[in-house]
């Protein structure tokens, strides 16, 4: 299970480590909207001084972190807090590259499958216990146990050797491809040579758990663990600890002086507030009650009129038309599918409908995703979409002719989308484009996010508007969902050549060769077969006060204050 997105919740609760489109991330993660100027390079300052507490910054995370237990968590808000309170094997730097955290050193076997990791010996938990290899094995075993019902258990048991057998109850924990060789040596063997293994080690599901605190925390009435559910059951070994938590209102973190690298942490306290109303959020920022908030497209206009710098980052999500290849005869033709996408002018759409700095897609995998040799995955990839509005009608008719049909035979297609105001507005835009350019009728069917997922899973749609956020910083997390048998393959795509290429990429140790193979597969998926039609890569827009400097904000790190962030006096 990964992260199909609800339109209006994409920046709120998308399950991601939760991720810059046309420009690389800066050291702070900040870029000004419609500009490549970084925060550190611009002389423009905010009109707002920020909050009054000299030792604390306040940011709006918009939602209560529902689950701070690494074995079961699956949301952005919780990942924000875990990143600050729990040190793992690796962590992401300001450019979303994995760097050692508790891993002092590591080696990789010749076949690329086995990682032997030496842990530093100066890390400890809040109860005084040293952080050892056993804490990782304990955590991972819980996640891979079927009864735990971990949403993200798959990211362990699908990758770690014998994990799937353990999950199915066909072997015991001693046969898993992960073990504590000694207190400070961890050995992990994967099923395939994962070139993105270090990214997985930086993912929240690979974090350690303190067994003593976990067992003392006990379980709720429904059997779920109370570990990290409140201050009195919290475990931490990272840069900060939770010092105050008023549920659904705010959560305050205080610097952990016992953290192994405490000297690198400059901000004594970080307060996360949970504001649900966009207008109240902006008013609070302007009143000096909060130092950073996300803003919508209307607020961007208001702020820019006040000469207030607005920053943005791509959140690594893509939004696309999902076609049902089996439900309607006309959608079985790739040219018809491509024409339906081409009929929509994406530049006009992002400029005039979204108006938030989103970037027109040139493929399925966003331009922000990492690739081989410290580059981006899209390096060397051709544009897979022409967005040829003028040629859409001719291509549509050509595809219909191959099916022995004409435009008059099309009837009315059904378009499924979320039932929010923005989704309906966008649906009406697409509906008008299809009528104007192709001369066809499309019925809009708005429904709740859950209902939309049910409709897609059951094939009760012709076209659906879908979004996807990655689990880890690698193209595979976007491409493998279209393989036969994948639960997210809603369009029922079946191309043996495509599956063969992805399986080949999974076994390829050479990163550059692997990237070439994945790009071949993506070309088949989008340019040749047009299984889905990507429209845009989304962004998050925000403002921040003069008080806050050096904060990291990316699609994989919604908030991070451990890369040199500081309070400007």
Foldseek 3Di string as FASTA:
>chain_A
DAFWDAVVCCLQWTFQLYFAFVEAQDQLRWDFFPGRAGPVRDPDAFPFFFADPQQEAEAANQAFQQDLQLLAGGTNVSNQVCLFFFWFQWAAGLRGDTDGTQFPDWDADPLLFKIKTFGDFQFAKPVGHTQFLVQQLVLLLCSLALVLVHPPNCVRLVWWPCSVCVNVVNDDSVPIQWDRPDRGIIMTGTPANDPQVSQVRNFSNRTGDDPVLQVVQAADPVRHTCQPVDQVSDMGGGQWHFPDQDGQFKTKIAGDPSHPPNVLFARGMYMYGRDNDQVVVVVCCRVNNHFKYFHALVVVVVCVVVVGTKIKRFLFKFKWKAFQCPPAPLSVFQLLLLLLLLLDQLVCCCVPQRNPNWFFAQFQGGQSFPAPPRHTLCVVFDRLHDSNNVCSQVSNQVSQVVVVHGQVPRAEFEEEHAPDPSGVVVVVSSQVSCCVRHVHGYHYDHDHPVVSVVCLLVVVHGIYIIMGTAHGRDCCSRQVCCDQPRSNVSSNDYDVVLVVLQVVLRRDPRRVVSSVSVSVSRSCCPNVRNSIGITTGDMIMMGGHSQKPSWRDGSSNNTDSSNNIHGDD
